[in-house]
Structures are given as C-alpha cells and as structure tokens.
Amino acid sequence: MATEPRIFLDTSAIFAGIWSPDGGGRMILKLGEASALKLITSRDVLGELERVFRRKAPELLGEITIIMDRSRLEIGPSPKKRDVENNLMLVGHPGDASIITAARSMDVDFFVTLDRKHFIQNKRLVKEVSFPIGTPGDMLEWYRRELNNN
C-alpha cells in the first residue's frame, strides 16, 4: 500500500472507539495514532458525537479531544447543501445524507459505521458509492486484505 488508506468514521464508529478500549473501533483509532491509517470525519459527525456523549457518557467528554488528537483524526469541511439534497434520496435522513455526502467528497477508501439500517444494509447506497461501507471489524478485515495484496 503506497499511502495510508483514507478511512471515514461516522459517529457510531468514533463513539465505539472511545467507549470500548478493546473493540475494533479502538483498534482503528490506534492505527490512526500509528500513522497506518488516515482517519477522517466531518463537522456534522463531531456535533452529533458531542450530543451523544453528553447524553450517554458525559464522564468521557474530556477524552474525546485527546483520543481524536492522538489518532490524528482529520475534520473535513461541511458539504454543500445542494450535494446533501442529492444524497437524501439514498439514505432518507438529512443527518445521514450530510455524513455520506461528506465522505463522498473526501475521496475515502472505506466508510466505518455501526448503522446497519441506514448505511451498511442500504443496498442502493452501497451500489452508488465508490468505497466499501462496514463495521470497524469489516474495515479491519479489509485493511488486512489490502496489506496482504501489497
């Protein structure tokens, strides 16, 4: 692999990586820290992530910035409203449309999420995008295959 794979993390993937010190999400964050992966997210994901942590795990709010900084998580620009509207028909929810639009605009190699209904099992979306969509475990398996093929 010539360059670091560009991995987009949605809210659920980042939450899982911070919440569980032993899961696939945390392993992805560690690979980002080791400069093996280029981790990317959007401003919308960060806003949603803060709301989720305030509701579910306020005691971990302070760790968000530290872990994201260590993992070198890059925050991309917010997508254009026109582009989000074009993707709304694929996912059916404005927040999800904004997230997938951001990922599509950032030339990513893999989209990591735990949202099966709106992303992973959305056959229409999976056919439309140019990158695989899957769980942290799926991404780690994809990464292993990529390493073995190079």
N, C-alpha and C. Protein backbone atom coordinates (compact mmCIF):
# COMPACT_ATOMS: atom_id res chain seq x y z
N MET A 1 0.85 -1.16 0.00
CA MET A 1 0.00 0.00 0.00
C MET A 1 0.90 1.23 0.00
N ALA A 2 0.78 2.04 -1.03
CA ALA A 2 1.68 3.18 -1.19
C ALA A 2 1.39 4.29 -0.18
N THR A 3 0.15 4.56 0.09
CA THR A 3 -0.21 5.62 1.03
C THR A 3 -1.14 5.07 2.09
N GLU A 4 -1.31 5.87 3.13
CA GLU A 4 -2.25 5.48 4.19
C GLU A 4 -3.67 5.43 3.63
N PRO A 5 -4.40 4.37 3.85
CA PRO A 5 -5.80 4.34 3.44
C PRO A 5 -6.57 5.44 4.16
N ARG A 6 -7.48 6.06 3.43
CA ARG A 6 -8.31 7.15 3.97
C ARG A 6 -9.61 6.54 4.49
N ILE A 7 -9.80 6.59 5.79
CA ILE A 7 -10.92 5.92 6.45
C ILE A 7 -11.84 6.97 7.07
N PHE A 8 -13.10 6.98 6.64
CA PHE A 8 -14.09 7.90 7.20
C PHE A 8 -14.79 7.23 8.37
N LEU A 9 -14.84 7.91 9.50
CA LEU A 9 -15.51 7.39 10.70
C LEU A 9 -16.79 8.17 10.95
N ASP A 10 -17.90 7.48 11.06
CA ASP A 10 -19.13 8.17 11.43
C ASP A 10 -19.25 8.20 12.95
N THR A 11 -20.30 8.78 13.44
CA THR A 11 -20.49 8.98 14.88
C THR A 11 -20.40 7.68 15.66
N SER A 12 -21.09 6.67 15.19
CA SER A 12 -21.13 5.40 15.93
C SER A 12 -19.75 4.75 16.01
N ALA A 13 -18.96 4.89 14.96
CA ALA A 13 -17.62 4.30 14.95
C ALA A 13 -16.69 5.00 15.94
N ILE A 14 -16.77 6.32 15.97
CA ILE A 14 -15.92 7.07 16.92
C ILE A 14 -16.38 6.80 18.34
N PHE A 15 -17.69 6.81 18.56
CA PHE A 15 -18.22 6.53 19.91
C PHE A 15 -17.73 5.16 20.39
N ALA A 16 -17.86 4.16 19.53
CA ALA A 16 -17.43 2.80 19.90
C ALA A 16 -15.94 2.77 20.21
N GLY A 17 -15.15 3.50 19.43
CA GLY A 17 -13.71 3.53 19.65
C GLY A 17 -13.31 4.16 20.96
N ILE A 18 -14.07 5.14 21.39
CA ILE A 18 -13.78 5.80 22.67
C ILE A 18 -14.39 5.00 23.82
N TRP A 19 -15.60 4.50 23.65
CA TRP A 19 -16.33 3.78 24.69
C TRP A 19 -15.66 2.47 25.08
N SER A 20 -15.26 1.70 24.07
CA SER A 20 -14.72 0.37 24.33
C SER A 20 -13.21 0.33 24.07
N PRO A 21 -12.42 0.12 25.10
CA PRO A 21 -10.96 0.12 24.92
C PRO A 21 -10.44 -1.11 24.18
N ASP A 22 -11.28 -2.12 23.97
CA ASP A 22 -10.81 -3.37 23.37
C ASP A 22 -11.43 -3.69 22.01
N GLY A 23 -12.35 -2.88 21.52
CA GLY A 23 -13.07 -3.23 20.30
C GLY A 23 -12.36 -2.80 19.03
N GLY A 24 -12.99 -3.12 17.91
CA GLY A 24 -12.45 -2.77 16.61
C GLY A 24 -12.35 -1.27 16.40
N GLY A 25 -13.31 -0.53 16.95
CA GLY A 25 -13.26 0.93 16.83
C GLY A 25 -12.01 1.50 17.47
N ARG A 26 -11.65 0.99 18.64
CA ARG A 26 -10.44 1.47 19.31
C ARG A 26 -9.20 1.07 18.52
N MET A 27 -9.20 -0.12 17.92
CA MET A 27 -8.06 -0.55 17.12
C MET A 27 -7.87 0.39 15.93
N ILE A 28 -8.96 0.83 15.32
CA ILE A 28 -8.86 1.77 14.21
C ILE A 28 -8.24 3.08 14.68
N LEU A 29 -8.67 3.57 15.84
CA LEU A 29 -8.09 4.80 16.38
C LEU A 29 -6.59 4.63 16.65
N LYS A 30 -6.21 3.45 17.14
CA LYS A 30 -4.79 3.18 17.39
C LYS A 30 -3.99 3.11 16.09
N LEU A 31 -4.58 2.57 15.04
CA LEU A 31 -3.91 2.54 13.74
C LEU A 31 -3.74 3.95 13.19
N GLY A 32 -4.70 4.81 13.48
CA GLY A 32 -4.56 6.22 13.12
C GLY A 32 -3.41 6.86 13.88
N GLU A 33 -3.33 6.56 15.17
CA GLU A 33 -2.25 7.08 16.01
C GLU A 33 -0.89 6.61 15.50
N ALA A 34 -0.82 5.39 14.99
CA ALA A 34 0.43 4.82 14.48
C ALA A 34 0.72 5.26 13.04
N SER A 35 -0.11 6.14 12.49
CA SER A 35 0.04 6.63 11.11
C SER A 35 -0.11 5.54 10.06
N ALA A 36 -0.80 4.46 10.41
CA ALA A 36 -1.07 3.40 9.45
C ALA A 36 -2.31 3.71 8.63
N LEU A 37 -3.23 4.50 9.20
CA LEU A 37 -4.46 4.91 8.53
C LEU A 37 -4.60 6.42 8.63
N LYS A 38 -5.23 7.02 7.63
CA LYS A 38 -5.59 8.43 7.67
C LYS A 38 -7.06 8.46 8.04
N LEU A 39 -7.37 8.87 9.27
CA LEU A 39 -8.74 8.89 9.75
C LEU A 39 -9.38 10.24 9.47
N ILE A 40 -10.61 10.19 8.97
CA ILE A 40 -11.31 11.39 8.53
C ILE A 40 -12.74 11.35 9.06
N THR A 41 -13.27 12.52 9.37
CA THR A 41 -14.68 12.64 9.73
C THR A 41 -15.16 14.01 9.29
N SER A 42 -16.40 14.34 9.62
CA SER A 42 -16.96 15.63 9.22
C SER A 42 -17.38 16.44 10.45
N ARG A 43 -17.61 17.70 10.22
CA ARG A 43 -18.07 18.58 11.31
C ARG A 43 -19.42 18.11 11.86
N ASP A 44 -20.28 17.62 10.97
CA ASP A 44 -21.59 17.12 11.42
C ASP A 44 -21.43 15.93 12.36
N VAL A 45 -20.48 15.05 12.05
CA VAL A 45 -20.23 13.90 12.92
C VAL A 45 -19.78 14.39 14.30
N LEU A 46 -18.89 15.37 14.33
CA LEU A 46 -18.41 15.87 15.62
C LEU A 46 -19.54 16.47 16.45
N GLY A 47 -20.43 17.21 15.82
CA GLY A 47 -21.56 17.78 16.54
C GLY A 47 -22.46 16.69 17.11
N GLU A 48 -22.73 15.69 16.29
CA GLU A 48 -23.56 14.57 16.75
C GLU A 48 -22.85 13.79 17.85
N LEU A 49 -21.54 13.61 17.70
CA LEU A 49 -20.76 12.88 18.70
C LEU A 49 -20.83 13.56 20.06
N GLU A 50 -20.70 14.87 20.08
CA GLU A 50 -20.78 15.59 21.35
C GLU A 50 -22.16 15.41 21.99
N ARG A 51 -23.21 15.50 21.18
CA ARG A 51 -24.57 15.32 21.73
C ARG A 51 -24.74 13.91 22.31
N VAL A 52 -24.22 12.90 21.61
CA VAL A 52 -24.35 11.52 22.08
C VAL A 52 -23.59 11.33 23.39
N PHE A 53 -22.37 11.86 23.47
CA PHE A 53 -21.60 11.70 24.70
C PHE A 53 -22.23 12.46 25.86
N ARG A 54 -22.78 13.63 25.62
CA ARG A 54 -23.46 14.38 26.69
C ARG A 54 -24.63 13.58 27.24
N ARG A 55 -25.30 12.83 26.36
CA ARG A 55 -26.47 12.05 26.78
C ARG A 55 -26.09 10.70 27.39
N LYS A 56 -25.12 9.99 26.78
CA LYS A 56 -24.84 8.62 27.18
C LYS A 56 -23.62 8.44 28.09
N ALA A 57 -22.62 9.32 27.95
CA ALA A 57 -21.38 9.14 28.71
C ALA A 57 -20.69 10.47 28.96
N PRO A 58 -21.35 11.37 29.70
CA PRO A 58 -20.76 12.70 29.90
C PRO A 58 -19.39 12.66 30.59
N GLU A 59 -19.14 11.60 31.33
CA GLU A 59 -17.85 11.48 32.02
C GLU A 59 -16.69 11.29 31.03
N LEU A 60 -16.99 10.94 29.80
CA LEU A 60 -15.94 10.71 28.79
C LEU A 60 -15.74 11.90 27.85
N LEU A 61 -16.50 12.98 28.04
CA LEU A 61 -16.40 14.14 27.16
C LEU A 61 -14.96 14.66 27.04
N GLY A 62 -14.23 14.68 28.13
CA GLY A 62 -12.86 15.17 28.11
C GLY A 62 -11.92 14.30 27.29
N GLU A 63 -12.26 13.04 27.16
CA GLU A 63 -11.39 12.12 26.42
C GLU A 63 -11.55 12.23 24.91
N ILE A 64 -12.67 12.78 24.46
CA ILE A 64 -12.92 12.86 23.02
C ILE A 64 -11.78 13.58 22.31
N THR A 65 -11.46 14.77 22.77
CA THR A 65 -10.43 15.57 22.11
C THR A 65 -9.06 14.91 22.19
N ILE A 66 -8.74 14.34 23.32
CA ILE A 66 -7.43 13.69 23.49
C ILE A 66 -7.29 12.50 22.54
N ILE A 67 -8.28 11.64 22.50
CA ILE A 67 -8.22 10.46 21.64
C ILE A 67 -8.22 10.86 20.17
N MET A 68 -9.05 11.84 19.80
CA MET A 68 -9.09 12.28 18.41
C MET A 68 -7.76 12.91 17.99
N ASP A 69 -7.16 13.65 18.88
CA ASP A 69 -5.86 14.26 18.58
C ASP A 69 -4.79 13.18 18.42
N ARG A 70 -4.75 12.25 19.33
CA ARG A 70 -3.75 11.17 19.24
C ARG A 70 -3.92 10.33 17.98
N SER A 71 -5.16 10.12 17.57
CA SER A 71 -5.41 9.28 16.40
C SER A 71 -5.29 10.08 15.09
N ARG A 72 -4.98 11.35 15.20
CA ARG A 72 -4.79 12.24 14.05
C ARG A 72 -6.05 12.35 13.20
N LEU A 73 -7.20 12.36 13.84
CA LEU A 73 -8.47 12.44 13.13
C LEU A 73 -8.60 13.79 12.45
N GLU A 74 -8.74 13.76 11.14
CA GLU A 74 -8.86 14.97 10.32
C GLU A 74 -10.34 15.31 10.16
N ILE A 75 -10.67 16.59 10.31
CA ILE A 75 -12.05 17.02 10.16
C ILE A 75 -12.18 17.72 8.82
N GLY A 76 -13.00 17.15 7.96
CA GLY A 76 -13.22 17.73 6.64
C GLY A 76 -14.26 18.82 6.68
N PRO A 77 -14.38 19.54 5.59
CA PRO A 77 -15.36 20.63 5.51
C PRO A 77 -16.79 20.11 5.47
N SER A 78 -17.71 20.96 5.83
CA SER A 78 -19.13 20.61 5.73
C SER A 78 -19.51 20.56 4.26
N PRO A 79 -20.34 19.59 3.89
CA PRO A 79 -20.74 19.50 2.49
C PRO A 79 -21.70 20.62 2.10
N LYS A 80 -21.79 20.86 0.81
CA LYS A 80 -22.72 21.88 0.29
C LYS A 80 -24.14 21.36 0.39
N LYS A 81 -25.05 22.26 0.72
CA LYS A 81 -26.46 21.89 0.90
C LYS A 81 -27.02 21.19 -0.34
N ARG A 82 -26.66 21.67 -1.51
CA ARG A 82 -27.14 21.09 -2.78
C ARG A 82 -26.71 19.63 -2.89
N ASP A 83 -25.45 19.34 -2.49
CA ASP A 83 -24.94 17.97 -2.55
C ASP A 83 -25.64 17.07 -1.54
N VAL A 84 -25.91 17.61 -0.36
CA VAL A 84 -26.63 16.84 0.66
C VAL A 84 -28.02 16.47 0.15
N GLU A 85 -28.70 17.42 -0.48
CA GLU A 85 -30.04 17.16 -1.01
C GLU A 85 -30.00 16.06 -2.07
N ASN A 86 -28.93 16.01 -2.86
CA ASN A 86 -28.80 14.97 -3.88
C ASN A 86 -28.64 13.58 -3.26
N ASN A 87 -28.06 13.50 -2.07
CA ASN A 87 -27.86 12.21 -1.40
C ASN A 87 -28.99 11.83 -0.46
N LEU A 88 -29.89 12.76 -0.21
CA LEU A 88 -31.01 12.49 0.70
C LEU A 88 -31.85 11.31 0.22
N MET A 89 -32.02 11.17 -1.08
CA MET A 89 -32.83 10.06 -1.60
C MET A 89 -32.18 8.71 -1.34
N LEU A 90 -30.87 8.70 -1.13
CA LEU A 90 -30.18 7.43 -0.88
C LEU A 90 -30.33 6.94 0.56
N VAL A 91 -30.40 7.87 1.52
CA VAL A 91 -30.44 7.45 2.93
C VAL A 91 -31.71 7.84 3.66
N GLY A 92 -32.46 8.81 3.15
CA GLY A 92 -33.75 9.15 3.72
C GLY A 92 -33.74 9.99 4.98
N HIS A 93 -32.58 10.40 5.46
CA HIS A 93 -32.49 11.20 6.67
C HIS A 93 -31.47 12.31 6.44
N PRO A 94 -31.84 13.58 6.70
CA PRO A 94 -30.93 14.69 6.42
C PRO A 94 -29.56 14.57 7.10
N GLY A 95 -29.52 14.13 8.34
CA GLY A 95 -28.24 13.98 9.05
C GLY A 95 -27.36 12.93 8.40
N ASP A 96 -27.94 11.80 8.05
CA ASP A 96 -27.19 10.74 7.39
C ASP A 96 -26.76 11.17 5.99
N ALA A 97 -27.62 11.92 5.31
CA ALA A 97 -27.28 12.41 3.97
C ALA A 97 -26.08 13.35 4.04
N SER A 98 -26.02 14.18 5.06
CA SER A 98 -24.87 15.08 5.22
C SER A 98 -23.59 14.29 5.47
N ILE A 99 -23.67 13.25 6.27
CA ILE A 99 -22.49 12.44 6.60
C ILE A 99 -21.99 11.69 5.38
N ILE A 100 -22.87 11.04 4.63
CA ILE A 100 -22.42 10.29 3.45
C ILE A 100 -21.93 11.25 2.37
N THR A 101 -22.52 12.43 2.28
CA THR A 101 -22.05 13.43 1.32
C THR A 101 -20.64 13.88 1.66
N ALA A 102 -20.38 14.10 2.94
CA ALA A 102 -19.04 14.49 3.36
C ALA A 102 -18.03 13.40 2.99
N ALA A 103 -18.38 12.16 3.28
CA ALA A 103 -17.46 11.05 2.96
C ALA A 103 -17.21 10.97 1.45
N ARG A 104 -18.25 11.13 0.67
CA ARG A 104 -18.10 11.05 -0.80
C ARG A 104 -17.22 12.18 -1.32
N SER A 105 -17.24 13.31 -0.66
CA SER A 105 -16.46 14.45 -1.15
C SER A 105 -14.99 14.39 -0.73
N MET A 106 -14.65 13.48 0.17
CA MET A 106 -13.28 13.44 0.71
C MET A 106 -12.44 12.30 0.17
N ASP A 107 -12.89 11.65 -0.88
CA ASP A 107 -12.09 10.62 -1.54
C ASP A 107 -11.60 9.56 -0.55
N VAL A 108 -12.55 8.96 0.17
CA VAL A 108 -12.19 7.97 1.18
C VAL A 108 -12.11 6.57 0.58
N ASP A 109 -11.39 5.70 1.27
CA ASP A 109 -11.24 4.31 0.84
C ASP A 109 -12.21 3.37 1.55
N PHE A 110 -12.73 3.78 2.71
CA PHE A 110 -13.65 2.95 3.47
C PHE A 110 -14.46 3.85 4.39
N PHE A 111 -15.75 3.53 4.56
CA PHE A 111 -16.65 4.27 5.45
C PHE A 111 -17.00 3.34 6.61
N VAL A 112 -16.64 3.73 7.83
CA VAL A 112 -16.85 2.89 9.00
C VAL A 112 -18.05 3.39 9.81
N THR A 113 -18.96 2.48 10.10
CA THR A 113 -20.18 2.80 10.83
C THR A 113 -20.69 1.55 11.54
N LEU A 114 -21.55 1.74 12.50
CA LEU A 114 -22.28 0.63 13.11
C LEU A 114 -23.76 0.70 12.72
N ASP A 115 -24.12 1.68 11.91
CA ASP A 115 -25.51 1.90 11.49
C ASP A 115 -25.83 0.98 10.31
N ARG A 116 -26.39 -0.16 10.62
CA ARG A 116 -26.71 -1.14 9.59
C ARG A 116 -27.89 -0.69 8.72
N LYS A 117 -28.92 -0.16 9.35
CA LYS A 117 -30.14 0.19 8.63
C LYS A 117 -29.91 1.26 7.57
N HIS A 118 -29.29 2.36 7.93
CA HIS A 118 -29.16 3.47 7.00
C HIS A 118 -27.94 3.40 6.10
N PHE A 119 -26.91 2.67 6.50
CA PHE A 119 -25.68 2.63 5.72
C PHE A 119 -25.31 1.22 5.24
N ILE A 120 -24.98 0.32 6.15
CA ILE A 120 -24.40 -0.97 5.78
C ILE A 120 -25.36 -1.82 4.94
N GLN A 121 -26.62 -1.91 5.34
CA GLN A 121 -27.59 -2.75 4.62
C GLN A 121 -28.42 -1.98 3.60
N ASN A 122 -28.04 -0.74 3.33
CA ASN A 122 -28.72 0.09 2.35
C ASN A 122 -28.15 -0.24 0.97
N LYS A 123 -28.78 -1.19 0.29
CA LYS A 123 -28.26 -1.70 -0.99
C LYS A 123 -28.13 -0.61 -2.04
N ARG A 124 -29.06 0.30 -2.07
CA ARG A 124 -29.00 1.40 -3.04
C ARG A 124 -27.77 2.27 -2.81
N LEU A 125 -27.51 2.59 -1.55
CA LEU A 125 -26.35 3.41 -1.20
C LEU A 125 -25.05 2.67 -1.52
N VAL A 126 -24.98 1.41 -1.11
CA VAL A 126 -23.76 0.62 -1.32
C VAL A 126 -23.40 0.55 -2.81
N LYS A 127 -24.41 0.45 -3.68
CA LYS A 127 -24.15 0.42 -5.13
C LYS A 127 -23.69 1.78 -5.66
N GLU A 128 -24.14 2.84 -5.03
CA GLU A 128 -23.90 4.20 -5.51
C GLU A 128 -22.52 4.74 -5.15
N VAL A 129 -22.00 4.37 -3.99
CA VAL A 129 -20.73 4.96 -3.55
C VAL A 129 -19.54 4.18 -4.10
N SER A 130 -18.39 4.82 -4.11
CA SER A 130 -17.18 4.21 -4.70
C SER A 130 -16.29 3.55 -3.66
N PHE A 131 -16.78 3.39 -2.44
CA PHE A 131 -15.99 2.81 -1.36
C PHE A 131 -16.84 1.83 -0.57
N PRO A 132 -16.18 0.86 0.08
CA PRO A 132 -16.94 -0.07 0.92
C PRO A 132 -17.47 0.62 2.18
N ILE A 133 -18.58 0.10 2.68
CA ILE A 133 -19.20 0.58 3.92
C ILE A 133 -19.30 -0.61 4.85
N GLY A 134 -18.82 -0.45 6.09
CA GLY A 134 -18.90 -1.57 7.02
C GLY A 134 -18.58 -1.19 8.45
N THR A 135 -18.63 -2.18 9.30
CA THR A 135 -18.35 -2.02 10.72
C THR A 135 -16.84 -1.87 10.94
N PRO A 136 -16.43 -1.52 12.16
CA PRO A 136 -14.99 -1.50 12.44
C PRO A 136 -14.33 -2.84 12.13
N GLY A 137 -14.98 -3.94 12.47
CA GLY A 137 -14.42 -5.26 12.17
C GLY A 137 -14.29 -5.50 10.68
N ASP A 138 -15.29 -5.06 9.91
CA ASP A 138 -15.23 -5.18 8.46
C ASP A 138 -14.04 -4.39 7.90
N MET A 139 -13.84 -3.18 8.42
CA MET A 139 -12.75 -2.35 7.94
C MET A 139 -11.40 -2.98 8.27
N LEU A 140 -11.27 -3.53 9.45
CA LEU A 140 -10.01 -4.16 9.84
C LEU A 140 -9.72 -5.37 8.95
N GLU A 141 -10.73 -6.13 8.60
CA GLU A 141 -10.56 -7.27 7.68
C GLU A 141 -10.17 -6.75 6.29
N TRP A 142 -10.83 -5.71 5.81
CA TRP A 142 -10.48 -5.10 4.53
C TRP A 142 -9.02 -4.64 4.54
N TYR A 143 -8.61 -4.00 5.63
CA TYR A 143 -7.24 -3.50 5.76
C TYR A 143 -6.23 -4.65 5.72
N ARG A 144 -6.52 -5.75 6.40
CA ARG A 144 -5.64 -6.93 6.36
C ARG A 144 -5.48 -7.45 4.93
N ARG A 145 -6.60 -7.52 4.21
CA ARG A 145 -6.54 -7.98 2.82
C ARG A 145 -5.70 -7.02 1.97
N GLU A 146 -5.89 -5.73 2.19
CA GLU A 146 -5.11 -4.72 1.44
C GLU A 146 -3.63 -4.87 1.71
N LEU A 147 -3.26 -5.11 2.96
CA LEU A 147 -1.86 -5.28 3.32
C LEU A 147 -1.28 -6.54 2.66
N ASN A 148 -2.06 -7.62 2.65
CA ASN A 148 -1.61 -8.87 2.05
C ASN A 148 -1.48 -8.80 0.54
N ASN A 149 -2.28 -7.93 -0.09
CA ASN A 149 -2.24 -7.79 -1.54
C ASN A 149 -1.10 -6.89 -2.01
N ASN A 150 -0.44 -6.22 -1.12
CA ASN A 150 0.64 -5.31 -1.50
C ASN A 150 1.99 -5.77 -0.96
